[in-house]
Amino acid sequence: MNRPLKIALVVGEESGDQLAAPLMEAIRVKHPDAEFYGVAGDRMLARGARTVFPVSDVAVIGIGAVVKHLPRIFRRVREAVTAIVAWGPDILVIIDSPGFTHSVGERVAKRLPGLPIVDYVSPSVWAWKPWRAARMARFIDHVLALLPFEPEVHRRLGGPACTYVGHPLIERLNELRAAPGERRPLDEGPVLLVLPGSRRSEIERLMKPFGEALALIRREISGVRVVLPAVARLEAEIRARAAEWSVQPEIVVGEAAKFAAFRQAHAALAASGTVTLELGLAGVPMVVAYRVDPIARMLKRFLKVQSIVLANLVVGENIAPEFLDEAGSPAVLAKETAALLRNTPARRRQLDGWRRLDELMTFPPGEHPSEKAASIVLETLAAKRRT
């Protein structure tokens, strides 16, 4: 009898865990006895994966924080490589967090030549350090892309084979989109979302200017309802900072409450990040702001893109206005956001743009990102075995 399929999975933070868990489920449809081992998060562990160490040991965000914890991260990379090589997997899937997962993948490839390696989530080679694409081709067999323009980027840069497998958000469109009557007409009272980020550093930098912008918006549009979706782990800090605002928002906690707010909202003032894709797919016009740490500020001149907004990048046009650092003053944010709370050309332009986003990102009925990703993982393994 053939032994179970052995799949090594390596994630570096929560986002990777969220992708890996449904990937495991999709693989088990075809290989019910498949075994998973590597660096796993809570969702993966709940589905039977085993981990070398807790993923929290390497889930470090921000350039300054990474530098501070480099000795521990390097140690964990070596431990992960040693354990995976000793286990002898049939295939390795590295997921997101390229600073950590690619370090593991490259070292495993050297010690296990011929092992097929799949990268789930392309690094942003289109924005930063494009030479990484060619380097990836040395040890990665296939990239599973979350954004539809990434396969062409890898082809142009000499990267590995790359396939758009769909963003996880397209499996949640029913949660994002308003049912008939759920989003009231704009003239019955606009609803404004305020989304200052899901990381502590973002909250610290954006809550003050967002609060000042709200005060200016309220002077111009007195009937606006303000809703602030908060992540549970930062709820206390968000509430404390929001208490200093002259305009008190309705704070909701948890993903279900957040998506319910999306379905009611007419516009949003948001930090840059995946939330811009959520808003675009929900059909919510937005103004985007971001403030970075001093080290990142020095490096921003090396960016290779004209936008930091994912939704803009997918559409290929700067639909949502964006303001980095001091360019996003409260006065500017207030002016741009207020224009979206009325039936203006700026509002109509965004609504048209997000309809194009939907066309570019969604799949035909019945197709699912995790299933497509699993198929490519298994096809990559089969192709490597034939060579």
Protein backbone atom coordinates (compact mmCIF):
# COMPACT_ATOMS: atom_id res chain seq x y z
CA MET A 1 0.00 0.00 0.00
CA ASN A 2 1.28 3.49 -0.88
CA ARG A 3 2.23 5.69 2.04
CA PRO A 4 0.27 8.91 2.69
CA LEU A 5 1.25 12.01 0.78
CA LYS A 6 3.62 14.16 2.85
CA ILE A 7 3.22 17.90 2.32
CA ALA A 8 5.41 20.43 4.09
CA LEU A 9 3.70 23.76 4.72
CA VAL A 10 5.48 26.88 5.97
CA VAL A 11 3.67 30.06 7.02
CA GLY A 12 5.02 33.11 8.79
CA GLU A 13 1.95 34.84 10.17
CA GLU A 14 -1.84 34.88 10.43
CA SER A 15 -2.45 35.60 6.74
CA GLY A 16 -0.61 32.45 5.72
CA ASP A 17 -2.53 30.36 8.24
CA GLN A 18 -5.80 31.64 6.75
CA LEU A 19 -4.76 30.47 3.27
CA ALA A 20 -3.18 27.19 4.33
CA ALA A 21 -6.20 25.84 6.22
CA PRO A 22 -8.61 25.70 3.24
CA LEU A 23 -5.74 24.50 1.04
CA MET A 24 -5.31 21.52 3.38
CA GLU A 25 -9.03 20.78 3.18
CA ALA A 26 -9.00 20.94 -0.62
CA ILE A 27 -5.99 18.62 -0.86
CA ARG A 28 -7.65 16.12 1.47
CA VAL A 29 -10.61 15.85 -0.90
CA LYS A 30 -8.26 13.95 -3.23
CA HIS A 31 -5.83 12.64 -0.61
CA PRO A 32 -7.79 12.06 2.63
CA ASP A 33 -4.78 10.62 4.44
CA ALA A 34 -2.33 13.42 3.47
CA GLU A 35 0.06 14.48 6.23
CA PHE A 36 1.07 18.10 6.85
CA TYR A 37 4.13 19.29 8.75
CA GLY A 38 6.20 22.46 8.92
CA VAL A 39 5.47 25.83 10.50
CA ALA A 40 1.74 26.05 11.19
CA GLY A 41 -0.77 28.46 12.70
CA ASP A 42 -3.84 27.72 14.79
CA ARG A 43 -6.19 26.98 11.87
CA MET A 44 -3.70 24.53 10.39
CA LEU A 45 -3.16 22.85 13.74
CA ALA A 46 -6.92 22.46 14.15
CA ARG A 47 -6.94 20.55 10.85
CA GLY A 48 -4.22 18.14 11.89
CA ALA A 49 -0.99 19.84 10.80
CA ARG A 50 2.06 19.51 13.03
CA THR A 51 4.43 22.42 13.62
CA VAL A 52 8.13 22.71 14.41
CA PHE A 53 7.47 25.76 16.62
CA PRO A 54 4.65 28.29 17.17
CA VAL A 55 4.24 30.62 14.21
CA SER A 56 4.07 33.53 16.66
CA ASP A 57 7.84 33.14 17.09
CA VAL A 58 8.38 34.58 13.60
CA ALA A 59 5.23 36.68 13.09
CA VAL A 60 7.05 40.01 13.27
CA ILE A 61 5.75 43.01 11.29
CA GLY A 62 7.62 46.20 10.39
CA ILE A 63 11.23 46.77 9.40
CA GLY A 64 12.28 47.96 12.84
CA ALA A 65 10.71 44.99 14.60
CA VAL A 66 12.26 42.52 12.14
CA VAL A 67 15.73 43.95 12.74
CA LYS A 68 15.23 43.71 16.49
CA HIS A 69 14.30 40.02 16.33
CA LEU A 70 16.68 38.87 13.58
CA PRO A 71 18.71 36.44 15.77
CA ARG A 72 15.57 34.56 16.80
CA ILE A 73 14.20 34.54 13.24
CA PHE A 74 17.47 33.16 11.82
CA ARG A 75 17.47 30.45 14.49
CA ARG A 76 13.91 29.48 13.66
CA VAL A 77 14.71 29.36 9.92
CA ARG A 78 17.49 26.85 10.60
CA GLU A 79 15.26 24.76 12.86
CA ALA A 80 12.46 24.68 10.27
CA VAL A 81 14.85 23.66 7.49
CA THR A 82 16.42 20.89 9.55
CA ALA A 83 13.06 19.48 10.61
CA ILE A 84 11.52 19.55 7.12
CA VAL A 85 14.56 17.94 5.49
CA ALA A 86 14.58 15.20 8.13
CA TRP A 87 10.85 14.54 7.56
CA GLY A 88 11.36 14.04 3.81
CA PRO A 89 8.25 15.63 2.25
CA ASP A 90 6.93 15.00 -1.24
CA ILE A 91 6.41 18.71 -1.85
CA LEU A 92 6.95 22.00 0.01
CA VAL A 93 4.41 24.84 -0.05
CA ILE A 94 5.62 28.18 1.31
CA ILE A 95 2.84 30.65 2.03
CA ASP A 96 3.10 34.46 2.19
CA SER A 97 5.63 36.20 4.55
CA PRO A 98 8.46 35.91 1.99
CA GLY A 99 11.18 37.20 4.30
CA PHE A 100 10.76 34.05 6.40
CA THR A 101 9.19 31.46 4.10
CA HIS A 102 11.54 32.08 1.18
CA SER A 103 14.53 31.77 3.48
CA VAL A 104 13.24 28.35 4.50
CA GLY A 105 12.35 27.35 0.94
CA GLU A 106 15.69 28.31 -0.56
CA ARG A 107 17.63 26.37 2.07
CA VAL A 108 15.42 23.28 1.79
CA ALA A 109 15.88 23.35 -2.01
CA LYS A 110 19.65 23.21 -1.59
CA ARG A 111 19.48 20.25 0.76
CA LEU A 112 16.73 18.38 -1.13
CA PRO A 113 17.47 18.98 -4.83
CA GLY A 114 14.51 18.05 -6.99
CA LEU A 115 11.90 18.66 -4.28
CA PRO A 116 8.96 20.52 -5.89
CA ILE A 117 8.30 23.87 -4.22
CA VAL A 118 5.16 25.99 -4.62
CA ASP A 119 4.87 29.58 -3.38
CA TYR A 120 1.31 30.55 -2.38
CA VAL A 121 1.11 34.39 -2.57
CA SER A 122 3.57 36.23 -4.76
CA PRO A 123 5.84 38.75 -3.08
CA SER A 124 5.17 42.26 -4.37
CA VAL A 125 7.93 42.09 -6.98
CA TRP A 126 5.86 44.53 -9.04
CA ALA A 127 6.41 47.20 -6.36
CA TRP A 128 9.68 46.44 -4.62
CA LYS A 129 12.92 44.65 -5.53
CA PRO A 130 11.81 43.20 -8.91
CA TRP A 131 15.02 41.14 -9.12
CA ARG A 132 13.44 38.76 -6.61
CA ALA A 133 11.32 37.23 -9.38
CA ALA A 134 14.36 35.78 -11.22
CA ARG A 135 15.84 34.61 -7.93
CA MET A 136 12.60 32.81 -7.09
CA ALA A 137 12.82 30.89 -10.37
CA ARG A 138 15.96 29.18 -9.09
CA PHE A 139 14.13 27.24 -6.38
CA ILE A 140 10.36 27.70 -6.86
CA ASP A 141 8.43 25.64 -9.42
CA HIS A 142 5.11 27.50 -9.36
CA VAL A 143 3.64 30.66 -7.82
CA LEU A 144 -0.02 30.84 -6.84
CA ALA A 145 -1.01 34.48 -7.27
CA LEU A 146 -3.79 36.30 -5.43
CA LEU A 147 -3.88 39.27 -7.82
CA PRO A 148 -4.79 38.89 -11.49
CA PHE A 149 -1.95 41.00 -12.89
CA GLU A 150 0.84 39.02 -11.18
CA PRO A 151 1.29 36.17 -13.72
CA GLU A 152 2.22 38.70 -16.41
CA VAL A 153 4.63 40.44 -14.01
CA HIS A 154 6.48 37.17 -13.32
CA ARG A 155 6.61 36.36 -17.03
CA ARG A 156 8.11 39.78 -17.78
CA LEU A 157 10.64 39.61 -14.93
CA GLY A 158 11.79 36.04 -15.59
CA GLY A 159 10.10 34.59 -12.52
CA PRO A 160 8.66 31.09 -11.98
CA ALA A 161 5.51 29.82 -13.65
CA CYS A 162 2.63 31.77 -12.09
CA THR A 163 -1.14 31.25 -12.07
CA TYR A 164 -3.88 33.50 -10.72
CA VAL A 165 -5.81 31.27 -8.34
CA GLY A 166 -8.10 33.96 -6.97
CA HIS A 167 -8.11 36.02 -3.82
CA PRO A 168 -9.83 34.46 -0.78
CA LEU A 169 -12.17 37.46 -0.70
CA ILE A 170 -13.96 36.32 -3.84
CA GLU A 171 -15.29 33.37 -1.84
CA ARG A 172 -16.94 35.84 0.54
CA LEU A 173 -18.76 38.16 -1.83
CA ASN A 174 -22.13 37.39 -0.23
CA GLU A 175 -20.77 38.74 3.06
CA LEU A 176 -19.36 41.88 1.45
CA ARG A 177 -22.17 42.92 -0.83
CA ALA A 178 -25.37 44.63 0.21
CA ALA A 179 -28.62 42.75 -0.21
CA PRO A 180 -31.54 44.71 -1.70
CA GLY A 181 -32.48 47.45 0.75
CA GLU A 182 -29.48 46.87 3.03
CA ARG A 183 -27.59 49.97 1.83
CA ARG A 184 -30.04 52.83 2.11
CA PRO A 185 -30.17 55.63 -0.47
CA LEU A 186 -27.46 58.22 0.07
CA ASP A 187 -29.96 61.04 0.57
CA GLU A 188 -31.49 59.22 3.55
CA GLY A 189 -28.31 59.70 5.57
CA PRO A 190 -24.77 58.74 4.56
CA VAL A 191 -22.82 56.06 6.42
CA LEU A 192 -19.06 56.56 6.62
CA LEU A 193 -16.66 53.77 7.56
CA VAL A 194 -13.44 54.67 9.35
CA LEU A 195 -10.78 51.97 9.05
CA PRO A 196 -7.50 53.02 10.70
CA GLY A 197 -5.83 49.62 10.29
CA SER A 198 -5.45 46.23 11.94
CA ARG A 199 -1.93 46.71 13.33
CA ARG A 200 -0.96 48.66 16.43
CA SER A 201 1.52 50.80 14.48
CA GLU A 202 -1.23 51.84 12.06
CA ILE A 203 -3.59 52.73 14.90
CA GLU A 204 -0.92 54.84 16.57
CA ARG A 205 -0.22 56.81 13.38
CA LEU A 206 -3.69 57.21 11.87
CA MET A 207 -6.24 57.58 14.67
CA LYS A 208 -5.36 61.22 15.39
CA PRO A 209 -5.50 62.56 11.79
CA PHE A 210 -8.61 60.45 11.06
CA GLY A 211 -10.36 61.90 14.12
CA GLU A 212 -9.46 65.45 13.07
CA ALA A 213 -10.72 64.76 9.56
CA LEU A 214 -14.04 63.50 10.94
CA ALA A 215 -14.54 66.74 12.83
CA LEU A 216 -14.18 68.68 9.57
CA ILE A 217 -16.52 66.29 7.72
CA ARG A 218 -19.21 66.62 10.40
CA ARG A 219 -19.14 70.41 10.03
CA GLU A 220 -19.92 70.02 6.34
CA ILE A 221 -22.28 67.00 6.50
CA SER A 222 -24.05 67.06 9.82
CA GLY A 223 -26.12 63.90 9.35
CA VAL A 224 -23.29 61.50 8.61
CA ARG A 225 -23.23 58.27 10.64
CA VAL A 226 -19.68 57.13 11.45
CA VAL A 227 -18.90 53.42 11.99
CA LEU A 228 -15.45 52.15 13.04
CA PRO A 229 -14.89 48.38 12.71
CA ALA A 230 -12.21 47.28 15.20
CA VAL A 231 -10.20 44.08 15.48
CA ALA A 232 -10.75 42.46 18.88
CA ARG A 233 -7.12 42.48 19.97
CA LEU A 234 -6.89 46.27 19.51
CA GLU A 235 -10.39 47.17 20.69
CA ALA A 236 -9.32 48.72 24.00
CA GLU A 237 -6.68 50.93 22.39
CA ILE A 238 -9.03 51.99 19.59
CA ARG A 239 -11.78 52.89 22.06
CA ALA A 240 -9.34 54.89 24.18
CA ARG A 241 -8.05 56.87 21.20
CA ALA A 242 -11.52 57.37 19.70
CA ALA A 243 -12.73 58.76 23.02
CA GLU A 244 -10.55 61.81 22.30
CA TRP A 245 -12.36 62.53 19.02
CA SER A 246 -14.97 65.28 18.86
CA VAL A 247 -17.09 63.00 16.66
CA GLN A 248 -17.82 59.74 18.44
CA PRO A 249 -18.03 56.74 16.09
CA GLU A 250 -20.10 53.62 16.48
CA ILE A 251 -17.41 51.01 17.21
CA VAL A 252 -18.18 47.45 16.10
CA VAL A 253 -15.97 44.45 16.80
CA GLY A 254 -15.40 41.26 14.85
CA GLU A 255 -15.44 40.29 11.19
CA ALA A 256 -19.19 39.68 10.93
CA ALA A 257 -19.94 43.15 12.30
CA LYS A 258 -17.30 44.66 10.02
CA PHE A 259 -18.80 43.14 6.88
CA ALA A 260 -22.29 44.16 7.99
CA ALA A 261 -20.99 47.73 8.20
CA PHE A 262 -19.50 47.39 4.70
CA ARG A 263 -22.91 46.41 3.35
CA GLN A 264 -24.46 49.59 4.79
CA ALA A 265 -21.65 52.05 4.04
CA HIS A 266 -21.62 54.74 1.36
CA ALA A 267 -17.92 55.69 1.69
CA ALA A 268 -14.80 54.92 3.71
CA LEU A 269 -11.68 56.58 5.07
CA ALA A 270 -9.20 53.74 5.28
CA ALA A 271 -5.61 52.70 5.87
CA SER A 272 -3.90 51.09 2.90
CA GLY A 273 -3.96 47.29 2.78
CA THR A 274 -6.20 44.35 1.92
CA VAL A 275 -9.15 46.35 3.22
CA THR A 276 -9.08 48.35 -0.03
CA LEU A 277 -9.89 45.16 -1.94
CA GLU A 278 -12.69 44.41 0.53
CA LEU A 279 -14.13 47.89 0.04
CA GLY A 280 -13.78 47.77 -3.73
CA LEU A 281 -15.52 44.39 -3.99
CA ALA A 282 -18.22 45.71 -1.65
CA GLY A 283 -18.71 48.71 -3.97
CA VAL A 284 -17.71 51.30 -1.35
CA PRO A 285 -15.88 54.44 -2.56
CA MET A 286 -12.85 55.24 -0.42
CA VAL A 287 -10.08 57.63 0.48
CA VAL A 288 -6.85 55.88 1.48
CA ALA A 289 -4.12 57.11 3.80
CA TYR A 290 -0.97 55.56 5.15
CA ARG A 291 1.83 56.65 7.42
CA VAL A 292 5.05 54.65 7.63
CA ASP A 293 7.92 54.34 10.09
CA PRO A 294 11.10 56.41 9.52
CA ILE A 295 13.04 53.53 7.94
CA ALA A 296 10.27 52.74 5.47
CA ARG A 297 9.93 56.46 4.68
CA MET A 298 13.55 56.55 3.52
CA LEU A 299 12.97 53.51 1.28
CA LYS A 300 9.70 54.59 -0.35
CA ARG A 301 11.53 56.29 -3.24
CA PHE A 302 12.51 52.81 -4.43
CA LEU A 303 8.89 51.75 -4.98
CA LYS A 304 8.20 50.71 -8.58
CA VAL A 305 4.44 51.40 -8.64
CA GLN A 306 2.28 54.49 -8.94
CA SER A 307 -0.12 53.41 -6.17
CA ILE A 308 0.00 51.79 -2.75
CA VAL A 309 -3.68 50.82 -3.00
CA LEU A 310 -4.24 47.18 -4.00
CA ALA A 311 -7.63 47.92 -5.53
CA ASN A 312 -6.06 50.60 -7.76
CA LEU A 313 -3.30 48.22 -8.83
CA VAL A 314 -5.74 45.52 -9.89
CA VAL A 315 -7.83 47.95 -11.95
CA GLY A 316 -4.69 49.53 -13.40
CA GLU A 317 -5.82 53.06 -12.61
CA ASN A 318 -5.69 55.30 -9.56
CA ILE A 319 -9.42 55.18 -8.86
CA ALA A 320 -9.23 55.75 -5.08
CA PRO A 321 -7.27 58.84 -3.98
CA GLU A 322 -4.37 57.99 -1.71
CA PHE A 323 -2.23 60.07 0.60
CA LEU A 324 1.08 58.97 2.07
CA ASP A 325 2.45 60.51 5.27
CA GLU A 326 2.07 64.30 5.57
CA ALA A 327 0.21 64.56 2.25
CA GLY A 328 -2.76 63.08 4.10
CA SER A 329 -3.49 66.04 6.34
CA PRO A 330 -6.87 66.10 8.13
CA ALA A 331 -8.04 68.92 5.85
CA VAL A 332 -7.18 67.00 2.68
CA LEU A 333 -8.70 63.74 3.96
CA ALA A 334 -11.88 65.56 4.98
CA LYS A 335 -12.28 67.30 1.62
CA GLU A 336 -11.75 64.11 -0.40
CA THR A 337 -13.99 61.98 1.83
CA ALA A 338 -16.83 64.50 1.94
CA ALA A 339 -16.95 64.43 -1.86
CA LEU A 340 -17.74 60.70 -1.69
CA LEU A 341 -20.67 61.24 0.66
CA ARG A 342 -22.57 63.16 -2.04
CA ASN A 343 -23.63 62.25 -5.56
CA THR A 344 -20.52 63.71 -7.17
CA PRO A 345 -18.43 62.79 -10.24
CA ALA A 346 -15.72 61.52 -7.84
CA ARG A 347 -18.19 59.11 -6.26
CA ARG A 348 -19.57 57.91 -9.60
CA ARG A 349 -16.05 57.35 -10.95
CA GLN A 350 -15.19 55.05 -8.05
CA LEU A 351 -18.43 53.08 -8.35
CA ASP A 352 -17.64 52.47 -12.04
CA GLY A 353 -14.05 51.51 -11.19
CA TRP A 354 -15.05 48.96 -8.57
CA ARG A 355 -17.37 47.28 -11.04
CA ARG A 356 -14.29 46.69 -13.21
CA LEU A 357 -12.44 45.35 -10.16
CA ASP A 358 -15.18 42.80 -9.72
CA GLU A 359 -14.89 41.65 -13.34
CA LEU A 360 -11.12 41.24 -13.07
CA MET A 361 -11.04 39.33 -9.78
CA THR A 362 -14.04 37.02 -9.74
CA PHE A 363 -14.26 33.45 -11.07
CA PRO A 364 -17.08 31.70 -12.92
CA PRO A 365 -19.67 30.10 -10.61
CA GLY A 366 -18.46 26.90 -9.02
CA GLU A 367 -14.73 27.72 -9.06
CA HIS A 368 -12.98 28.34 -5.74
CA PRO A 369 -9.48 29.69 -4.99
CA SER A 370 -8.51 26.99 -2.49
CA GLU A 371 -9.57 24.22 -4.88
CA LYS A 372 -7.65 25.77 -7.78
CA ALA A 373 -4.59 26.21 -5.55
CA ALA A 374 -4.78 22.58 -4.41
CA SER A 375 -5.03 21.36 -8.01
CA ILE A 376 -1.87 23.22 -9.00
CA VAL A 377 0.02 21.93 -5.94
CA LEU A 378 -0.87 18.36 -6.87
CA GLU A 379 -0.18 18.93 -10.59
CA THR A 380 3.24 20.39 -9.74
CA LEU A 381 4.07 17.31 -7.68
CA ALA A 382 2.90 14.97 -10.46
CA ALA A 383 4.91 16.85 -13.10
CA LYS A 384 8.08 16.73 -10.98
CA ARG A 385 7.68 12.99 -10.46
CA ARG A 386 7.44 12.46 -14.23
CA THR A 387 10.79 14.18 -14.87
